[in-house]
């Protein structure tokens, strides 16, 4: 991966972190709860369960069904989730 790509990914990660902080603020101000399964939204609980069972292809399909994402985006997202879950981060 070249340096420009790394820099872009880092910028995106920072932007996501800022958005998450803002969303947390809004939820707190509105006194709303957002239950998460293993750090993921409730609608992805099935995806998380499939990943924990080692069913990557089924998890990608479930992610596509839950989010409307295309195959490429779903595969990238689910592979990231899989790495996070395996490392104990998700």
Protein backbone atom coordinates (compact mmCIF):
# COMPACT_ATOMS: atom_id res chain seq x y z
CA UNK A 1 0.00 0.00 0.00
CA UNK A 2 1.46 3.34 -0.99
CA UNK A 3 1.80 6.31 1.37
CA UNK A 4 -1.01 8.29 -0.29
CA UNK A 5 -3.44 5.42 0.33
CA UNK A 6 -2.29 5.08 3.93
CA UNK A 7 -2.73 8.83 4.46
CA UNK A 8 -6.23 8.70 2.96
CA UNK A 9 -7.22 5.75 5.14
CA UNK A 10 -5.91 7.55 8.23
CA UNK A 11 -7.89 10.66 7.29
CA UNK A 12 -11.02 8.55 6.86
CA UNK A 13 -10.45 6.87 10.23
CA UNK A 14 -10.17 10.29 11.89
CA UNK A 15 -13.34 11.49 10.15
CA UNK A 16 -15.22 8.39 11.31
CA UNK A 17 -13.99 8.92 14.87
CA UNK A 18 -15.26 12.53 14.78
CA UNK A 19 -18.65 11.37 13.49
CA UNK A 20 -18.89 8.72 16.19
CA UNK A 21 -18.17 11.33 18.88
CA UNK A 22 -20.85 13.61 17.46
CA UNK A 23 -23.36 10.79 17.28
CA UNK A 24 -22.56 9.77 20.87
CA UNK A 25 -23.17 13.39 21.91
CA UNK A 26 -26.54 13.50 20.12
CA UNK A 27 -27.62 10.18 21.65
CA UNK A 28 -26.61 11.39 25.11
CA UNK A 29 -28.40 14.72 24.72
CA UNK A 30 -31.55 12.97 23.55
CA UNK A 31 -31.19 10.39 26.32
CA UNK A 32 -31.34 7.55 23.79
CA UNK A 33 -29.78 4.13 24.15
CA UNK A 34 -28.13 2.33 21.25
CA UNK A 35 -27.61 -1.28 22.23
CA UNK A 36 -24.72 -2.90 20.41
CA UNK A 37 -23.70 -6.52 20.08
CA UNK A 38 -19.94 -6.85 20.41
CA UNK A 39 -19.54 -3.22 19.41
CA UNK A 40 -21.74 -3.55 16.32
CA UNK A 41 -25.26 -2.24 15.71
CA UNK A 42 -28.16 -4.59 16.52
CA UNK A 43 -28.98 -5.15 12.85
CA UNK A 44 -25.55 -6.79 12.43
CA UNK A 45 -26.00 -9.28 15.29
CA UNK A 46 -26.62 -12.08 12.78
CA UNK A 47 -23.43 -11.19 10.92
CA UNK A 48 -21.46 -11.27 14.17
CA UNK A 49 -22.94 -14.67 15.07
CA UNK A 50 -22.05 -16.10 11.66
CA UNK A 51 -18.48 -14.80 11.94
CA UNK A 52 -18.11 -16.35 15.38
CA UNK A 53 -19.22 -19.65 13.81
CA UNK A 54 -16.58 -19.26 11.08
CA UNK A 55 -19.13 -18.77 8.28
CA UNK A 56 -17.56 -15.89 6.34
CA UNK A 57 -19.53 -16.30 3.08
CA UNK A 58 -22.84 -16.47 4.94
CA UNK A 59 -21.83 -13.43 6.99
CA UNK A 60 -21.12 -11.45 3.82
CA UNK A 61 -24.56 -12.38 2.45
CA UNK A 62 -26.22 -11.45 5.77
CA UNK A 63 -24.36 -8.11 5.76
CA UNK A 64 -25.58 -7.40 2.22
CA UNK A 65 -29.14 -8.23 3.25
CA UNK A 66 -28.96 -6.09 6.41
CA UNK A 67 -27.33 -3.03 4.85
CA UNK A 68 -28.07 -3.11 1.14
CA UNK A 69 -24.32 -2.95 0.45
CA UNK A 70 -22.86 -4.43 -2.72
CA UNK A 71 -20.64 -7.50 -2.74
CA UNK A 72 -17.32 -5.62 -2.70
CA UNK A 73 -18.28 -3.28 0.13
CA UNK A 74 -19.88 -6.08 2.12
CA UNK A 75 -16.83 -8.32 1.71
CA UNK A 76 -14.48 -5.56 2.86
CA UNK A 77 -16.65 -4.65 5.83
CA UNK A 78 -17.20 -8.24 6.95
CA UNK A 79 -13.52 -9.13 6.60
CA UNK A 80 -12.69 -6.13 8.81
CA UNK A 81 -15.32 -7.22 11.34
CA UNK A 82 -13.91 -10.75 11.26
CA UNK A 83 -10.40 -9.49 12.03
CA UNK A 84 -11.72 -7.32 14.86
CA UNK A 85 -13.72 -10.18 16.37
CA UNK A 86 -10.79 -12.59 16.11
CA UNK A 87 -8.49 -10.06 17.78
CA UNK A 88 -11.02 -9.46 20.56
CA UNK A 89 -11.72 -5.89 19.44
CA UNK A 90 -15.28 -6.41 18.34
